[in-house]
Full PDB file with SEQRES, HELIX, SHEET, SSBOND, CRYST1, ORIGX, SCALE, CONECT and MASTER records, all heavy atoms in Angstrom:
SEQRES   1 A   32  ALA GLY LEU GLN TRP THR LYS PRO TRP GLU ASP VAL ASP          
SEQRES   2 A   32  ASP TRP ASP ALA SER GLY GLN THR PHE ASP ARG LEU GLY          
SEQRES   3 A   32  ASP LYS CYS LEU TRP VAL                                      
HELIX    1 AA1 GLY A   26  LYS A   28  5                                   3    
CRYST1    1.000    1.000    1.000  90.00  90.00  90.00 P 1           1          
ORIGX1      1.000000  0.000000  0.000000        0.00000                         
ORIGX2      0.000000  1.000000  0.000000        0.00000                         
ORIGX3      0.000000  0.000000  1.000000        0.00000                         
SCALE1      1.000000  0.000000  0.000000        0.00000                         
SCALE2      0.000000  1.000000  0.000000        0.00000                         
SCALE3      0.000000  0.000000  1.000000        0.00000                         
ATOM      1  N   ALA A   1       0.794  -1.168  -0.027  1.00  0.00           N  
ATOM      2  CA  ALA A   1       0.012   0.000   0.011  1.00  0.00           C  
ATOM      3  C   ALA A   1       0.880   1.226  -0.087  1.00  0.00           C  
ATOM      4  O   ALA A   1       2.138   1.134   0.312  1.00  0.00           O  
ATOM      5  CB  ALA A   1      -0.852   0.016   1.209  1.00  0.00           C  
ATOM      6  N   GLY A   2       0.223   2.377  -0.326  1.00  0.00           N  
ATOM      7  CA  GLY A   2       0.980   3.661  -0.280  1.00  0.00           C  
ATOM      8  C   GLY A   2       1.405   4.161  -1.750  1.00  0.00           C  
ATOM      9  O   GLY A   2       0.825   3.551  -2.785  1.00  0.00           O  
ATOM     10  N   LEU A   3       2.274   5.091  -1.742  1.00  0.00           N  
ATOM     11  CA  LEU A   3       2.741   5.648  -2.938  1.00  0.00           C  
ATOM     12  C   LEU A   3       3.651   4.664  -3.737  1.00  0.00           C  
ATOM     13  O   LEU A   3       4.626   4.200  -3.137  1.00  0.00           O  
ATOM     14  CB  LEU A   3       3.475   6.942  -2.774  1.00  0.00           C  
ATOM     15  CG  LEU A   3       4.119   7.686  -3.916  1.00  0.00           C  
ATOM     16  CD1 LEU A   3       3.014   8.049  -4.990  1.00  0.00           C  
ATOM     17  CD2 LEU A   3       4.881   8.891  -3.444  1.00  0.00           C  
ATOM     18  N   GLN A   4       3.354   4.465  -4.981  1.00  0.00           N  
ATOM     19  CA  GLN A   4       4.172   3.428  -5.726  1.00  0.00           C  
ATOM     20  C   GLN A   4       4.588   4.117  -7.107  1.00  0.00           C  
ATOM     21  O   GLN A   4       3.787   4.750  -7.713  1.00  0.00           O  
ATOM     22  CB  GLN A   4       3.387   2.142  -6.044  1.00  0.00           C  
ATOM     23  CG  GLN A   4       2.884   1.518  -4.750  1.00  0.00           C  
ATOM     24  CD  GLN A   4       3.940   0.966  -3.837  1.00  0.00           C  
ATOM     25  OE1 GLN A   4       5.108   0.682  -4.289  1.00  0.00           O  
ATOM     26  NE2 GLN A   4       3.655   0.886  -2.573  1.00  0.00           N  
ATOM     27  N   TRP A   5       5.863   3.862  -7.551  1.00  0.00           N  
ATOM     28  CA  TRP A   5       6.323   4.381  -8.771  1.00  0.00           C  
ATOM     29  C   TRP A   5       6.596   3.177  -9.711  1.00  0.00           C  
ATOM     30  O   TRP A   5       7.172   2.168  -9.232  1.00  0.00           O  
ATOM     31  CB  TRP A   5       7.585   5.190  -8.523  1.00  0.00           C  
ATOM     32  CG  TRP A   5       7.369   6.393  -7.799  1.00  0.00           C  
ATOM     33  CD1 TRP A   5       7.503   6.649  -6.485  1.00  0.00           C  
ATOM     34  CD2 TRP A   5       6.927   7.684  -8.424  1.00  0.00           C  
ATOM     35  NE1 TRP A   5       7.130   7.883  -6.178  1.00  0.00           N  
ATOM     36  CE2 TRP A   5       6.774   8.644  -7.345  1.00  0.00           C  
ATOM     37  CE3 TRP A   5       6.714   8.169  -9.699  1.00  0.00           C  
ATOM     38  CZ2 TRP A   5       6.407   9.973  -7.562  1.00  0.00           C  
ATOM     39  CZ3 TRP A   5       6.274   9.471  -9.862  1.00  0.00           C  
ATOM     40  CH2 TRP A   5       6.205  10.362  -8.770  1.00  0.00           C  
ATOM     41  N   THR A   6       6.087   3.268 -10.937  1.00  0.00           N  
ATOM     42  CA  THR A   6       6.338   2.260 -11.890  1.00  0.00           C  
ATOM     43  C   THR A   6       6.859   2.841 -13.160  1.00  0.00           C  
ATOM     44  O   THR A   6       7.064   4.069 -13.244  1.00  0.00           O  
ATOM     45  CB  THR A   6       5.023   1.471 -12.232  1.00  0.00           C  
ATOM     46  OG1 THR A   6       4.040   2.521 -12.840  1.00  0.00           O  
ATOM     47  CG2 THR A   6       4.392   0.907 -11.048  1.00  0.00           C  
ATOM     48  N   LYS A   7       7.103   1.990 -14.203  1.00  0.00           N  
ATOM     49  CA  LYS A   7       7.438   2.572 -15.541  1.00  0.00           C  
ATOM     50  C   LYS A   7       6.319   3.303 -16.154  1.00  0.00           C  
ATOM     51  O   LYS A   7       5.131   2.951 -15.815  1.00  0.00           O  
ATOM     52  CB  LYS A   7       7.903   1.411 -16.429  1.00  0.00           C  
ATOM     53  CG  LYS A   7       9.070   0.601 -15.887  1.00  0.00           C  
ATOM     54  CD  LYS A   7       9.410  -0.523 -16.815  1.00  0.00           C  
ATOM     55  CE  LYS A   7      10.559  -1.348 -16.301  1.00  0.00           C  
ATOM     56  NZ  LYS A   7      10.175  -2.055 -15.014  1.00  0.00           N  
ATOM     57  N   PRO A   8       6.522   4.327 -16.946  1.00  0.00           N  
ATOM     58  CA  PRO A   8       5.424   5.144 -17.495  1.00  0.00           C  
ATOM     59  C   PRO A   8       4.358   4.279 -18.263  1.00  0.00           C  
ATOM     60  O   PRO A   8       3.195   4.648 -18.198  1.00  0.00           O  
ATOM     61  CB  PRO A   8       6.087   6.051 -18.466  1.00  0.00           C  
ATOM     62  CG  PRO A   8       7.518   6.116 -17.997  1.00  0.00           C  
ATOM     63  CD  PRO A   8       7.858   4.800 -17.426  1.00  0.00           C  
ATOM     64  N   TRP A   9       4.680   3.238 -18.855  1.00  0.00           N  
ATOM     65  CA  TRP A   9       3.726   2.329 -19.565  1.00  0.00           C  
ATOM     66  C   TRP A   9       3.053   1.292 -18.634  1.00  0.00           C  
ATOM     67  O   TRP A   9       2.316   0.498 -19.172  1.00  0.00           O  
ATOM     68  CB  TRP A   9       4.389   1.716 -20.714  1.00  0.00           C  
ATOM     69  CG  TRP A   9       5.632   0.887 -20.328  1.00  0.00           C  
ATOM     70  CD1 TRP A   9       5.681  -0.372 -19.936  1.00  0.00           C  
ATOM     71  CD2 TRP A   9       6.949   1.346 -20.392  1.00  0.00           C  
ATOM     72  NE1 TRP A   9       6.906  -0.804 -19.713  1.00  0.00           N  
ATOM     73  CE2 TRP A   9       7.768   0.175 -19.880  1.00  0.00           C  
ATOM     74  CE3 TRP A   9       7.509   2.573 -20.697  1.00  0.00           C  
ATOM     75  CZ2 TRP A   9       9.101   0.291 -19.797  1.00  0.00           C  
ATOM     76  CZ3 TRP A   9       8.904   2.598 -20.470  1.00  0.00           C  
ATOM     77  CH2 TRP A   9       9.691   1.540 -20.101  1.00  0.00           C  
ATOM     78  N   GLU A  10       3.290   1.340 -17.383  1.00  0.00           N  
ATOM     79  CA  GLU A  10       2.729   0.427 -16.489  1.00  0.00           C  
ATOM     80  C   GLU A  10       1.603   1.068 -15.626  1.00  0.00           C  
ATOM     81  O   GLU A  10       1.741   2.218 -15.409  1.00  0.00           O  
ATOM     82  CB  GLU A  10       3.781  -0.232 -15.523  1.00  0.00           C  
ATOM     83  CG  GLU A  10       4.774  -1.072 -16.229  1.00  0.00           C  
ATOM     84  CD  GLU A  10       5.793  -1.710 -15.323  1.00  0.00           C  
ATOM     85  OE1 GLU A  10       6.057  -1.158 -14.274  1.00  0.00           O  
ATOM     86  OE2 GLU A  10       6.377  -2.742 -15.721  1.00  0.00           O  
ATOM     87  N   ASP A  11       0.713   0.312 -15.224  1.00  0.00           N  
ATOM     88  CA  ASP A  11      -0.378   0.766 -14.353  1.00  0.00           C  
ATOM     89  C   ASP A  11      -0.422  -0.093 -13.019  1.00  0.00           C  
ATOM     90  O   ASP A  11       0.148  -1.218 -13.031  1.00  0.00           O  
ATOM     91  CB  ASP A  11      -1.725   0.727 -14.948  1.00  0.00           C  
ATOM     92  CG  ASP A  11      -1.945   1.744 -16.078  1.00  0.00           C  
ATOM     93  OD1 ASP A  11      -1.538   2.881 -15.823  1.00  0.00           O  
ATOM     94  OD2 ASP A  11      -2.406   1.332 -17.175  1.00  0.00           O  
ATOM     95  N   VAL A  12      -1.077   0.345 -11.986  1.00  0.00           N  
ATOM     96  CA  VAL A  12      -1.294  -0.515 -10.830  1.00  0.00           C  
ATOM     97  C   VAL A  12      -2.734  -0.558 -10.546  1.00  0.00           C  
ATOM     98  O   VAL A  12      -3.407   0.480 -10.223  1.00  0.00           O  
ATOM     99  CB  VAL A  12      -0.512   0.164  -9.624  1.00  0.00           C  
ATOM    100  CG1 VAL A  12      -0.804  -0.671  -8.330  1.00  0.00           C  
ATOM    101  CG2 VAL A  12       0.975   0.216  -9.896  1.00  0.00           C  
ATOM    102  N   ASP A  13      -3.243  -1.771 -10.432  1.00  0.00           N  
ATOM    103  CA  ASP A  13      -4.624  -1.977 -10.074  1.00  0.00           C  
ATOM    104  C   ASP A  13      -4.683  -2.584  -8.675  1.00  0.00           C  
ATOM    105  O   ASP A  13      -3.734  -3.225  -8.221  1.00  0.00           O  
ATOM    106  CB  ASP A  13      -5.297  -2.993 -11.068  1.00  0.00           C  
ATOM    107  CG  ASP A  13      -6.791  -2.898 -11.128  1.00  0.00           C  
ATOM    108  OD1 ASP A  13      -7.299  -2.088 -10.415  1.00  0.00           O  
ATOM    109  OD2 ASP A  13      -7.368  -3.763 -11.821  1.00  0.00           O  
ATOM    110  N   ASP A  14      -5.781  -2.290  -7.973  1.00  0.00           N  
ATOM    111  CA  ASP A  14      -5.899  -2.605  -6.585  1.00  0.00           C  
ATOM    112  C   ASP A  14      -6.444  -4.046  -6.491  1.00  0.00           C  
ATOM    113  O   ASP A  14      -7.333  -4.487  -7.208  1.00  0.00           O  
ATOM    114  CB  ASP A  14      -6.817  -1.616  -5.857  1.00  0.00           C  
ATOM    115  CG  ASP A  14      -6.318  -0.223  -5.868  1.00  0.00           C  
ATOM    116  OD1 ASP A  14      -5.100  -0.059  -5.927  1.00  0.00           O  
ATOM    117  OD2 ASP A  14      -7.055   0.694  -5.724  1.00  0.00           O  
ATOM    118  N   TRP A  15      -5.949  -4.711  -5.483  1.00  0.00           N  
ATOM    119  CA  TRP A  15      -6.528  -6.007  -5.128  1.00  0.00           C  
ATOM    120  C   TRP A  15      -6.745  -6.041  -3.474  1.00  0.00           C  
ATOM    121  O   TRP A  15      -5.818  -5.701  -2.797  1.00  0.00           O  
ATOM    122  CB  TRP A  15      -5.614  -7.208  -5.468  1.00  0.00           C  
ATOM    123  CG  TRP A  15      -6.148  -8.584  -5.167  1.00  0.00           C  
ATOM    124  CD1 TRP A  15      -5.938  -9.374  -4.109  1.00  0.00           C  
ATOM    125  CD2 TRP A  15      -7.067  -9.272  -5.971  1.00  0.00           C  
ATOM    126  NE1 TRP A  15      -6.621 -10.499  -4.306  1.00  0.00           N  
ATOM    127  CE2 TRP A  15      -7.382 -10.526  -5.421  1.00  0.00           C  
ATOM    128  CE3 TRP A  15      -7.715  -8.931  -7.231  1.00  0.00           C  
ATOM    129  CZ2 TRP A  15      -8.185 -11.493  -5.946  1.00  0.00           C  
ATOM    130  CZ3 TRP A  15      -8.495  -9.907  -7.797  1.00  0.00           C  
ATOM    131  CH2 TRP A  15      -8.832 -11.098  -7.167  1.00  0.00           C  
ATOM    132  N   ASP A  16      -7.967  -6.155  -3.101  1.00  0.00           N  
ATOM    133  CA  ASP A  16      -8.309  -5.999  -1.667  1.00  0.00           C  
ATOM    134  C   ASP A  16      -7.758  -7.090  -0.826  1.00  0.00           C  
ATOM    135  O   ASP A  16      -8.094  -8.316  -0.998  1.00  0.00           O  
ATOM    136  CB  ASP A  16      -9.891  -5.928  -1.606  1.00  0.00           C  
ATOM    137  CG  ASP A  16     -10.263  -5.326  -0.230  1.00  0.00           C  
ATOM    138  OD1 ASP A  16      -9.435  -5.374   0.716  1.00  0.00           O  
ATOM    139  OD2 ASP A  16     -11.487  -4.977  -0.163  1.00  0.00           O  
ATOM    140  N   ALA A  17      -6.830  -6.750   0.070  1.00  0.00           N  
ATOM    141  CA  ALA A  17      -6.306  -7.799   0.990  1.00  0.00           C  
ATOM    142  C   ALA A  17      -6.751  -7.568   2.401  1.00  0.00           C  
ATOM    143  O   ALA A  17      -6.215  -8.147   3.401  1.00  0.00           O  
ATOM    144  CB  ALA A  17      -4.686  -7.730   0.980  1.00  0.00           C  
ATOM    145  N   SER A  18      -7.774  -6.658   2.596  1.00  0.00           N  
ATOM    146  CA  SER A  18      -8.247  -6.383   3.971  1.00  0.00           C  
ATOM    147  C   SER A  18      -9.282  -7.584   4.300  1.00  0.00           C  
ATOM    148  O   SER A  18      -9.586  -8.376   3.506  1.00  0.00           O  
ATOM    149  CB  SER A  18      -8.983  -5.056   3.903  1.00  0.00           C  
ATOM    150  OG  SER A  18     -10.124  -5.083   3.035  1.00  0.00           O  
ATOM    151  N   GLY A  19      -9.766  -7.457   5.550  1.00  0.00           N  
ATOM    152  CA  GLY A  19     -10.672  -8.414   6.121  1.00  0.00           C  
ATOM    153  C   GLY A  19     -11.989  -8.388   5.420  1.00  0.00           C  
ATOM    154  O   GLY A  19     -12.503  -7.329   5.172  1.00  0.00           O  
ATOM    155  N   GLN A  20     -12.534  -9.537   5.108  1.00  0.00           N  
ATOM    156  CA  GLN A  20     -13.912  -9.679   4.461  1.00  0.00           C  
ATOM    157  C   GLN A  20     -14.742 -10.556   5.326  1.00  0.00           C  
ATOM    158  O   GLN A  20     -14.341 -11.293   6.126  1.00  0.00           O  
ATOM    159  CB  GLN A  20     -13.769 -10.293   3.014  1.00  0.00           C  
ATOM    160  CG  GLN A  20     -12.725  -9.696   2.166  1.00  0.00           C  
ATOM    161  CD  GLN A  20     -13.116  -8.275   1.751  1.00  0.00           C  
ATOM    162  OE1 GLN A  20     -14.258  -8.008   1.472  1.00  0.00           O  
ATOM    163  NE2 GLN A  20     -12.069  -7.409   1.709  1.00  0.00           N  
ATOM    164  N   THR A  21     -16.148 -10.326   5.082  1.00  0.00           N  
ATOM    165  CA  THR A  21     -17.049 -11.117   5.877  1.00  0.00           C  
ATOM    166  C   THR A  21     -17.966 -11.924   4.905  1.00  0.00           C  
ATOM    167  O   THR A  21     -18.660 -11.318   4.092  1.00  0.00           O  
ATOM    168  CB  THR A  21     -17.987 -10.162   6.709  1.00  0.00           C  
ATOM    169  OG1 THR A  21     -17.065  -9.439   7.656  1.00  0.00           O  
ATOM    170  CG2 THR A  21     -18.940 -11.002   7.586  1.00  0.00           C  
ATOM    171  N   PHE A  22     -18.008 -13.141   5.195  1.00  0.00           N  
ATOM    172  CA  PHE A  22     -18.965 -14.087   4.585  1.00  0.00           C  
ATOM    173  C   PHE A  22     -20.160 -14.190   5.567  1.00  0.00           C  
ATOM    174  O   PHE A  22     -19.992 -14.703   6.634  1.00  0.00           O  
ATOM    175  CB  PHE A  22     -18.377 -15.494   4.250  1.00  0.00           C  
ATOM    176  CG  PHE A  22     -19.309 -16.458   3.807  1.00  0.00           C  
ATOM    177  CD1 PHE A  22     -19.594 -16.654   2.523  1.00  0.00           C  
ATOM    178  CD2 PHE A  22     -19.980 -17.308   4.803  1.00  0.00           C  
ATOM    179  CE1 PHE A  22     -20.487 -17.658   2.070  1.00  0.00           C  
ATOM    180  CE2 PHE A  22     -20.871 -18.372   4.371  1.00  0.00           C  
ATOM    181  CZ  PHE A  22     -21.147 -18.481   3.008  1.00  0.00           C  
ATOM    182  N   ASP A  23     -21.247 -13.649   5.194  1.00  0.00           N  
ATOM    183  CA  ASP A  23     -22.437 -13.535   6.204  1.00  0.00           C  
ATOM    184  C   ASP A  23     -23.493 -14.401   5.774  1.00  0.00           C  
ATOM    185  O   ASP A  23     -24.207 -14.190   4.777  1.00  0.00           O  
ATOM    186  CB  ASP A  23     -22.826 -11.997   6.294  1.00  0.00           C  
ATOM    187  CG  ASP A  23     -23.863 -11.786   7.233  1.00  0.00           C  
ATOM    188  OD1 ASP A  23     -24.281 -12.684   8.061  1.00  0.00           O  
ATOM    189  OD2 ASP A  23     -24.456 -10.682   7.253  1.00  0.00           O  
ATOM    190  N   ARG A  24     -23.783 -15.425   6.621  1.00  0.00           N  
ATOM    191  CA  ARG A  24     -24.929 -16.330   6.452  1.00  0.00           C  
ATOM    192  C   ARG A  24     -25.726 -16.298   7.781  1.00  0.00           C  
ATOM    193  O   ARG A  24     -26.151 -17.366   8.214  1.00  0.00           O  
ATOM    194  CB  ARG A  24     -24.542 -17.678   6.111  1.00  0.00           C  
ATOM    195  CG  ARG A  24     -24.020 -17.876   4.639  1.00  0.00           C  
ATOM    196  CD  ARG A  24     -25.132 -17.749   3.675  1.00  0.00           C  
ATOM    197  NE  ARG A  24     -24.846 -18.266   2.343  1.00  0.00           N  
ATOM    198  CZ  ARG A  24     -25.640 -18.387   1.346  1.00  0.00           C  
ATOM    199  NH1 ARG A  24     -26.875 -17.970   1.580  1.00  0.00           N  
ATOM    200  NH2 ARG A  24     -25.310 -18.804   0.141  1.00  0.00           N  
ATOM    201  N   LEU A  25     -25.904 -15.156   8.384  1.00  0.00           N  
ATOM    202  CA  LEU A  25     -26.628 -15.087   9.613  1.00  0.00           C  
ATOM    203  C   LEU A  25     -28.002 -14.715   9.380  1.00  0.00           C  
ATOM    204  O   LEU A  25     -28.427 -14.088   8.407  1.00  0.00           O  
ATOM    205  CB  LEU A  25     -25.972 -14.031  10.609  1.00  0.00           C  
ATOM    206  CG  LEU A  25     -24.445 -14.381  10.964  1.00  0.00           C  
ATOM    207  CD1 LEU A  25     -23.990 -13.300  11.945  1.00  0.00           C  
ATOM    208  CD2 LEU A  25     -24.387 -15.779  11.682  1.00  0.00           C  
ATOM    209  N   GLY A  26     -28.951 -14.987  10.375  1.00  0.00           N  
ATOM    210  CA  GLY A  26     -30.345 -14.486  10.331  1.00  0.00           C  
ATOM    211  C   GLY A  26     -30.970 -15.073   9.182  1.00  0.00           C  
ATOM    212  O   GLY A  26     -30.935 -16.290   8.818  1.00  0.00           O  
ATOM    213  N   ASP A  27     -31.711 -14.177   8.344  1.00  0.00           N  
ATOM    214  CA  ASP A  27     -32.531 -14.730   7.264  1.00  0.00           C  
ATOM    215  C   ASP A  27     -31.640 -15.158   6.101  1.00  0.00           C  
ATOM    216  O   ASP A  27     -32.064 -15.781   5.187  1.00  0.00           O  
ATOM    217  CB  ASP A  27     -33.442 -13.552   6.742  1.00  0.00           C  
ATOM    218  CG  ASP A  27     -34.539 -13.178   7.719  1.00  0.00           C  
ATOM    219  OD1 ASP A  27     -34.798 -14.035   8.613  1.00  0.00           O  
ATOM    220  OD2 ASP A  27     -34.982 -12.039   7.645  1.00  0.00           O  
ATOM    221  N   LYS A  28     -30.331 -14.897   6.185  1.00  0.00           N  
ATOM    222  CA  LYS A  28     -29.344 -15.287   5.110  1.00  0.00           C  
ATOM    223  C   LYS A  28     -28.756 -16.700   5.398  1.00  0.00           C  
ATOM    224  O   LYS A  28     -27.768 -17.124   4.766  1.00  0.00           O  
ATOM    225  CB  LYS A  28     -28.339 -14.207   4.890  1.00  0.00           C  
ATOM    226  CG  LYS A  28     -28.849 -12.976   4.412  1.00  0.00           C  
ATOM    227  CD  LYS A  28     -27.870 -11.943   4.247  1.00  0.00           C  
ATOM    228  CE  LYS A  28     -27.348 -11.405   5.557  1.00  0.00           C  
ATOM    229  NZ  LYS A  28     -26.364 -10.242   5.475  1.00  0.00           N  
ATOM    230  N   CYS A  29     -29.304 -17.371   6.486  1.00  0.00           N  
ATOM    231  CA  CYS A  29     -28.707 -18.678   6.759  1.00  0.00           C  
ATOM    232  C   CYS A  29     -28.765 -19.669   5.558  1.00  0.00           C  
ATOM    233  O   CYS A  29     -29.647 -19.504   4.701  1.00  0.00           O  
ATOM    234  CB  CYS A  29     -29.381 -19.288   8.015  1.00  0.00           C  
ATOM    235  SG  CYS A  29     -31.125 -19.553   7.745  1.00  0.00           S  
ATOM    236  N   LEU A  30     -27.908 -20.620   5.511  1.00  0.00           N  
ATOM    237  CA  LEU A  30     -27.800 -21.381   4.424  1.00  0.00           C  
ATOM    238  C   LEU A  30     -28.583 -22.730   4.658  1.00  0.00           C  
ATOM    239  O   LEU A  30     -28.312 -23.545   5.624  1.00  0.00           O  
ATOM    240  CB  LEU A  30     -26.307 -21.896   4.147  1.00  0.00           C  
ATOM    241  CG  LEU A  30     -26.143 -22.768   2.972  1.00  0.00           C  
ATOM    242  CD1 LEU A  30     -26.469 -22.066   1.603  1.00  0.00           C  
ATOM    243  CD2 LEU A  30     -24.576 -23.152   2.876  1.00  0.00           C  
ATOM    244  N   TRP A  31     -29.530 -23.081   3.857  1.00  0.00           N  
ATOM    245  CA  TRP A  31     -30.324 -24.363   3.898  1.00  0.00           C  
ATOM    246  C   TRP A  31     -29.461 -25.474   3.317  1.00  0.00           C  
ATOM    247  O   TRP A  31     -28.989 -25.475   2.207  1.00  0.00           O  
ATOM    248  CB  TRP A  31     -31.651 -24.232   3.158  1.00  0.00           C  
ATOM    249  CG  TRP A  31     -32.689 -23.456   3.836  1.00  0.00           C  
ATOM    250  CD1 TRP A  31     -32.988 -22.176   3.630  1.00  0.00           C  
ATOM    251  CD2 TRP A  31     -33.559 -23.935   4.911  1.00  0.00           C  
ATOM    252  NE1 TRP A  31     -33.975 -21.747   4.527  1.00  0.00           N  
ATOM    253  CE2 TRP A  31     -34.321 -22.913   5.282  1.00  0.00           C  
ATOM    254  CE3 TRP A  31     -33.677 -25.187   5.521  1.00  0.00           C  
ATOM    255  CZ2 TRP A  31     -35.253 -22.982   6.308  1.00  0.00           C  
ATOM    256  CZ3 TRP A  31     -34.702 -25.302   6.475  1.00  0.00           C  
ATOM    257  CH2 TRP A  31     -35.431 -24.151   6.928  1.00  0.00           C  
ATOM    258  N   VAL A  32     -29.269 -26.573   4.161  1.00  0.00           N  
ATOM    259  CA  VAL A  32     -28.546 -27.742   3.820  1.00  0.00           C  
ATOM    260  C   VAL A  32     -29.266 -28.988   4.143  1.00  0.00           C  
ATOM    261  O   VAL A  32     -30.162 -28.950   5.024  1.00  0.00           O  
ATOM    262  CB  VAL A  32     -27.175 -27.682   4.579  1.00  0.00           C  
ATOM    263  CG1 VAL A  32     -26.321 -26.472   4.175  1.00  0.00           C  
ATOM    264  CG2 VAL A  32     -27.220 -27.929   5.992  1.00  0.00           C  
TER     265      VAL A  32                                                      
MASTER        0    0    0    1    0    0    0    6  264    1    0    3          
END                                                                             
């Protein structure tokens, strides 16, 4: 993360490495 320098013909795309939540609580519970 932070300021990054690349070659002029290169780009930097973001990929989320932060915490994520898989939510199957309440009405979203999973029928099995």
